[in-house]
Amino acid sequence: MSITSLLLDRLRQAGLGDAESVTPAEGGVAALAGIATRREGPPVFVKAFREAPSDGLFAAEAEGLRALRELGGAATPEVLFAGRDVLVLSALQPRPASEDFWERLAHTLARLHTTTVHDRFGWSRDNWLGRERQDNTWDTDGYAFFAQRRLLRWLPEPRVRAALDEQDRRALERLCERLPELLPPRPPCLTHGDLWTHNVLATADGQPALIDPAVSYMWAEVDLAHLWSTPHPPEAARFFELYAELTGLDDDWRARMPIIQLRQHLAVIAQHDYDWGAADEVRATLKPFRS
């Protein structure tokens, strides 16, 4: 079954029988997605897997979108339907290519991170990063949480075992032991959890809107690292300057980004045969810890 046929079928299962056509969306790497036109309503965004990894995946994503909006004040799409096999959201607009938009995003993210400080790391349920479960078991120790639930948890995955040799795996373990030396103490706050540029869109009036979260209470720099370490347009430069000003980041924040981004690189390696250079980035970051 083609992507468009599958998504139309899932929309009808969700009760949107007036869906007429679907234009596949670009940018996603885990799920099938598109924008559906309807006879009797506005366009909607539809997302599905050929085989859902879990019957709770889309419910957890919908919960994350509501949390970002209700707890953190970020704009997110309206959840129209969240079932085992399909997620239907109100349609958003493409992200404008302007510095002003990225400045507004800096204010959005700074507000999210500074107004949701929590006393524990984790979340009330596990959710998903791509197709893989994200372990959100509560912990009061951020270093232990990051080491066990965000880094070392990927080592048993077959693709990670194939990509990293024994020295690399031992180097990651040594890095985890030294996290309190490498990263300053930071409180947990509500984080998007998968914040790269493709997960930033715009509302009808041009305000930043966030999609596809893997939320948890974690260090704010998890979100910053993902945006910093993945391709972003030239107009995003002001975002990083302004976010640092708004949140009082120290001058060493850039040096921490490769360590924090290890979590995302390992997740990419674990889930995809082609890793977009993630294994090379992991080995480069781990090099000082190999002996």
Protein backbone atom coordinates (compact mmCIF):
# COMPACT_ATOMS: atom_id res chain seq x y z
CA MET A 1 0.00 0.00 0.00
CA SER A 2 1.35 3.46 -0.91
CA ILE A 3 1.99 6.12 1.74
CA THR A 4 -0.96 8.24 0.59
CA SER A 5 -3.33 5.27 0.49
CA LEU A 6 -2.26 4.13 3.94
CA LEU A 7 -2.70 7.59 5.45
CA LEU A 8 -6.12 8.03 3.83
CA ASP A 9 -7.17 4.66 5.18
CA ARG A 10 -6.02 5.60 8.69
CA LEU A 11 -7.87 8.93 8.49
CA ARG A 12 -11.09 7.14 7.64
CA GLN A 13 -10.55 4.76 10.54
CA ALA A 14 -10.25 7.87 12.73
CA GLY A 15 -13.64 9.10 11.55
CA LEU A 16 -12.47 11.66 9.00
CA GLY A 17 -14.28 10.16 6.05
CA ASP A 18 -14.21 13.43 4.11
CA ALA A 19 -10.46 13.23 3.58
CA GLU A 20 -9.85 13.42 -0.18
CA SER A 21 -6.09 13.45 -0.73
CA VAL A 22 -2.81 13.45 1.17
CA THR A 23 0.40 15.23 0.28
CA PRO A 24 3.33 13.41 1.95
CA ALA A 25 5.30 15.55 4.38
CA GLU A 26 9.07 15.96 4.08
CA GLY A 27 11.62 15.84 6.86
CA GLY A 28 10.42 13.04 9.10
CA VAL A 29 12.61 9.96 9.53
CA ALA A 30 10.52 7.59 11.68
CA ALA A 31 6.84 7.77 10.75
CA LEU A 32 4.77 8.27 7.61
CA ALA A 33 3.10 11.68 7.55
CA GLY A 34 1.29 14.13 5.32
CA ILE A 35 -1.20 16.96 4.98
CA ALA A 36 -4.73 15.82 4.13
CA THR A 37 -7.30 17.93 2.32
CA ARG A 38 -10.97 17.45 3.26
CA ARG A 39 -14.31 18.17 1.67
CA GLU A 40 -15.93 19.57 4.81
CA GLY A 41 -13.15 20.96 6.94
CA PRO A 42 -9.70 22.52 7.00
CA PRO A 43 -6.59 20.50 6.12
CA VAL A 44 -5.16 18.27 8.83
CA PHE A 45 -1.80 16.71 9.54
CA VAL A 46 -1.82 12.91 9.73
CA LYS A 47 0.92 10.63 11.03
CA ALA A 48 1.12 6.85 11.14
CA PHE A 49 3.41 3.83 11.10
CA ARG A 50 2.92 0.86 8.85
CA GLU A 51 3.15 -1.13 12.06
CA ALA A 52 2.88 0.89 15.27
CA PRO A 53 5.71 0.12 17.75
CA SER A 54 3.23 0.38 20.63
CA ASP A 55 -0.43 1.13 21.16
CA GLY A 56 0.57 3.95 23.52
CA LEU A 57 2.94 5.81 21.21
CA PHE A 58 0.54 8.37 19.78
CA ALA A 59 -1.24 8.86 23.11
CA ALA A 60 2.13 9.73 24.66
CA GLU A 61 2.91 12.14 21.84
CA ALA A 62 -0.47 13.84 22.25
CA GLU A 63 0.18 14.15 25.98
CA GLY A 64 3.55 15.73 25.24
CA LEU A 65 2.00 18.30 22.93
CA ARG A 66 -0.55 19.25 25.60
CA ALA A 67 2.17 19.51 28.25
CA LEU A 68 4.28 21.84 26.13
CA ARG A 69 1.25 24.06 25.57
CA GLU A 70 -0.42 23.95 28.99
CA LEU A 71 2.66 23.80 31.24
CA GLY A 72 5.25 25.59 29.13
CA GLY A 73 3.19 28.08 27.13
CA ALA A 74 4.49 26.88 23.76
CA ALA A 75 2.25 26.78 20.70
CA THR A 76 1.51 23.25 19.50
CA PRO A 77 -1.04 21.82 17.06
CA GLU A 78 -4.45 20.79 18.33
CA VAL A 79 -4.80 17.05 18.82
CA LEU A 80 -7.84 15.94 16.81
CA PHE A 81 -7.41 12.18 17.20
CA ALA A 82 -4.82 9.95 18.86
CA GLY A 83 -5.26 6.23 18.39
CA ARG A 84 -3.05 3.18 18.20
CA ASP A 85 -2.48 3.49 14.45
CA VAL A 86 -2.85 7.17 13.65
CA LEU A 87 -2.37 10.69 15.03
CA VAL A 88 -4.36 13.56 13.53
CA LEU A 89 -3.43 17.16 14.30
CA SER A 90 -4.47 20.60 13.13
CA ALA A 91 -2.24 21.69 10.26
CA LEU A 92 0.53 24.21 10.85
CA GLN A 93 2.45 26.46 8.48
CA PRO A 94 6.04 26.15 7.21
CA ARG A 95 8.65 27.92 9.30
CA PRO A 96 9.41 31.39 7.86
CA ALA A 97 13.03 32.06 6.90
CA SER A 98 13.48 35.13 9.08
CA GLU A 99 15.69 36.12 12.00
CA ASP A 100 12.64 37.58 13.73
CA PHE A 101 10.99 34.15 13.80
CA TRP A 102 14.05 32.62 15.46
CA GLU A 103 14.11 35.42 18.02
CA ARG A 104 10.51 34.58 18.92
CA LEU A 105 11.52 30.92 19.21
CA ALA A 106 14.28 31.91 21.65
CA HIS A 107 11.67 33.57 23.86
CA THR A 108 9.37 30.54 23.53
CA LEU A 109 12.06 28.06 24.51
CA ALA A 110 13.44 30.22 27.31
CA ARG A 111 9.92 30.55 28.79
CA LEU A 112 9.37 26.80 28.50
CA HIS A 113 12.62 26.00 30.28
CA THR A 114 12.53 28.66 33.00
CA THR A 115 8.89 28.35 34.07
CA THR A 116 8.68 24.56 34.40
CA VAL A 117 11.49 23.76 36.85
CA HIS A 118 10.77 20.48 38.63
CA ASP A 119 12.18 18.58 41.59
CA ARG A 120 12.85 15.32 39.73
CA PHE A 121 14.14 14.09 36.39
CA GLY A 122 11.81 11.96 34.29
CA TRP A 123 8.12 11.91 33.41
CA SER A 124 4.94 10.27 34.62
CA ARG A 125 5.12 7.65 31.85
CA ASP A 126 7.53 6.35 29.27
CA ASN A 127 7.19 7.79 25.78
CA TRP A 128 9.01 7.38 22.47
CA LEU A 129 11.97 8.87 20.67
CA GLY A 130 11.32 7.86 17.09
CA ARG A 131 10.33 4.21 17.23
CA GLU A 132 12.16 3.43 20.47
CA ARG A 133 10.83 3.66 24.01
CA GLN A 134 12.22 6.49 26.15
CA ASP A 135 12.67 5.40 29.76
CA ASN A 136 11.41 8.22 32.00
CA THR A 137 11.67 6.53 35.41
CA TRP A 138 11.86 9.27 38.04
CA ASP A 139 15.26 10.13 39.55
CA THR A 140 16.54 12.99 41.71
CA ASP A 141 20.10 12.65 40.30
CA GLY A 142 20.37 14.25 36.88
CA TYR A 143 23.77 12.77 36.14
CA ALA A 144 22.59 9.24 36.92
CA PHE A 145 19.40 9.80 34.94
CA PHE A 146 21.26 11.09 31.89
CA ALA A 147 23.86 8.33 32.06
CA GLN A 148 21.49 5.40 32.55
CA ARG A 149 18.31 6.50 30.77
CA ARG A 150 19.70 8.62 27.94
CA LEU A 151 23.18 7.29 27.09
CA LEU A 152 24.06 3.79 28.32
CA ARG A 153 20.59 2.45 27.52
CA TRP A 154 21.56 2.48 23.81
CA LEU A 155 24.64 0.27 24.13
CA PRO A 156 22.78 -3.09 23.87
CA GLU A 157 21.04 -2.05 20.64
CA PRO A 158 22.31 -4.15 17.68
CA ARG A 159 23.16 -1.22 15.40
CA VAL A 160 25.03 0.54 18.23
CA ARG A 161 26.97 -2.62 19.02
CA ALA A 162 27.94 -2.85 15.36
CA ALA A 163 28.92 0.83 15.09
CA LEU A 164 30.96 1.18 18.30
CA ASP A 165 33.82 -1.09 19.28
CA GLU A 166 34.64 -2.23 22.80
CA GLN A 167 36.96 0.74 23.38
CA ASP A 168 34.20 3.14 22.37
CA ARG A 169 31.72 1.48 24.70
CA ARG A 170 34.16 1.62 27.60
CA ALA A 171 34.89 5.25 26.76
CA LEU A 172 31.17 6.05 27.00
CA GLU A 173 31.04 4.37 30.40
CA ARG A 174 34.03 6.44 31.57
CA LEU A 175 32.41 9.62 30.26
CA CYS A 176 29.25 8.77 32.20
CA GLU A 177 31.27 8.31 35.40
CA ARG A 178 32.77 11.78 34.91
CA LEU A 179 29.56 13.64 34.04
CA PRO A 180 29.61 15.63 37.33
CA GLU A 181 33.04 16.98 36.29
CA LEU A 182 32.02 17.68 32.70
CA LEU A 183 28.60 19.31 33.10
CA PRO A 184 27.52 21.93 35.64
CA PRO A 185 24.58 21.06 37.88
CA ARG A 186 21.30 22.11 36.33
CA PRO A 187 17.70 21.64 37.54
CA PRO A 188 15.23 19.55 35.59
CA CYS A 189 12.66 21.41 33.52
CA LEU A 190 10.14 20.45 30.88
CA THR A 191 11.99 19.69 27.65
CA HIS A 192 10.70 18.98 24.17
CA GLY A 193 13.18 16.11 23.88
CA ASP A 194 13.58 15.94 20.09
CA LEU A 195 14.04 19.57 19.13
CA TRP A 196 15.65 19.84 15.71
CA THR A 197 14.64 22.32 13.04
CA HIS A 198 12.15 19.98 11.34
CA ASN A 199 10.14 19.92 14.57
CA VAL A 200 9.75 23.71 14.56
CA LEU A 201 6.88 25.04 12.44
CA ALA A 202 4.66 28.12 12.60
CA THR A 203 1.10 29.03 13.50
CA ALA A 204 -1.16 30.84 11.04
CA ASP A 205 0.01 34.18 12.47
CA GLY A 206 3.69 33.28 12.24
CA GLN A 207 4.43 32.30 15.81
CA PRO A 208 6.79 29.36 16.50
CA ALA A 209 5.02 26.05 17.06
CA LEU A 210 6.53 22.76 18.23
CA ILE A 211 5.70 19.25 17.01
CA ASP A 212 6.82 15.64 17.55
CA PRO A 213 7.99 15.83 21.18
CA ALA A 214 9.56 13.23 23.46
CA VAL A 215 8.97 15.22 26.63
CA SER A 216 10.53 14.75 30.04
CA TYR A 217 11.83 16.83 32.89
CA MET A 218 15.50 17.02 31.97
CA TRP A 219 18.30 19.53 31.55
CA ALA A 220 17.27 22.41 29.30
CA GLU A 221 20.49 22.01 27.33
CA VAL A 222 19.18 18.74 25.86
CA ASP A 223 16.93 20.86 23.64
CA LEU A 224 19.63 23.44 22.98
CA ALA A 225 22.16 20.78 22.00
CA HIS A 226 19.85 19.22 19.43
CA LEU A 227 19.24 22.54 17.70
CA TRP A 228 22.93 23.53 17.91
CA SER A 229 24.33 20.20 16.70
CA THR A 230 22.05 19.61 13.71
CA PRO A 231 21.82 21.73 10.54
CA HIS A 232 20.09 25.04 11.09
CA PRO A 233 19.68 28.01 8.74
CA PRO A 234 21.83 31.17 8.93
CA GLU A 235 18.94 33.19 10.35
CA ALA A 236 18.98 30.94 13.43
CA ALA A 237 22.27 32.46 14.66
CA ARG A 238 20.44 35.12 16.68
CA PHE A 239 18.38 32.41 18.39
CA PHE A 240 21.41 31.01 20.21
CA GLU A 241 22.68 34.41 21.29
CA LEU A 242 19.28 35.51 22.59
CA TYR A 243 18.46 32.20 24.30
CA ALA A 244 21.78 32.39 26.16
CA GLU A 245 20.98 35.94 27.27
CA LEU A 246 17.44 35.10 28.37
CA THR A 247 18.46 32.05 30.39
CA GLY A 248 21.77 33.32 31.77
CA LEU A 249 23.94 30.66 30.13
CA ASP A 250 27.64 30.78 30.89
CA ASP A 251 30.21 31.26 28.12
CA ASP A 252 31.15 27.56 28.07
CA TRP A 253 27.79 26.24 26.89
CA ARG A 254 29.01 25.51 23.34
CA ALA A 255 31.74 23.20 24.64
CA ARG A 256 29.10 21.06 26.37
CA MET A 257 26.96 20.51 23.31
CA PRO A 258 28.81 17.44 21.89
CA ILE A 259 28.54 15.59 25.21
CA ILE A 260 24.84 16.30 25.64
CA GLN A 261 24.12 15.52 21.99
CA LEU A 262 25.55 12.01 22.43
CA ARG A 263 22.07 10.97 23.50
CA GLN A 264 20.58 11.93 20.15
CA HIS A 265 23.44 10.51 18.10
CA LEU A 266 23.13 7.15 19.85
CA ALA A 267 19.37 7.10 19.27
CA VAL A 268 19.90 7.77 15.56
CA ILE A 269 22.48 4.99 15.25
CA ALA A 270 20.16 2.56 17.05
CA GLN A 271 17.21 3.19 14.74
CA HIS A 272 18.60 3.68 11.25
CA ASP A 273 20.90 1.81 8.92
CA TYR A 274 22.22 5.14 7.63
CA ASP A 275 23.18 7.36 10.55
CA TRP A 276 23.96 10.73 8.88
CA GLY A 277 27.45 10.75 10.44
CA ALA A 278 26.24 10.14 13.99
CA ALA A 279 28.72 7.32 14.69
CA ASP A 280 31.63 9.51 13.61
CA GLU A 281 30.41 12.28 15.92
CA VAL A 282 30.11 9.83 18.82
CA ARG A 283 33.63 8.49 18.27
CA ALA A 284 35.05 12.02 18.07
CA THR A 285 33.39 13.01 21.35
CA LEU A 286 34.52 9.82 23.07
CA LYS A 287 38.13 10.00 21.86
CA PRO A 288 39.48 11.73 25.03
CA PHE A 289 37.89 8.99 27.16
CA ARG A 290 39.26 5.98 25.30
CA SER A 291 42.21 5.52 27.66
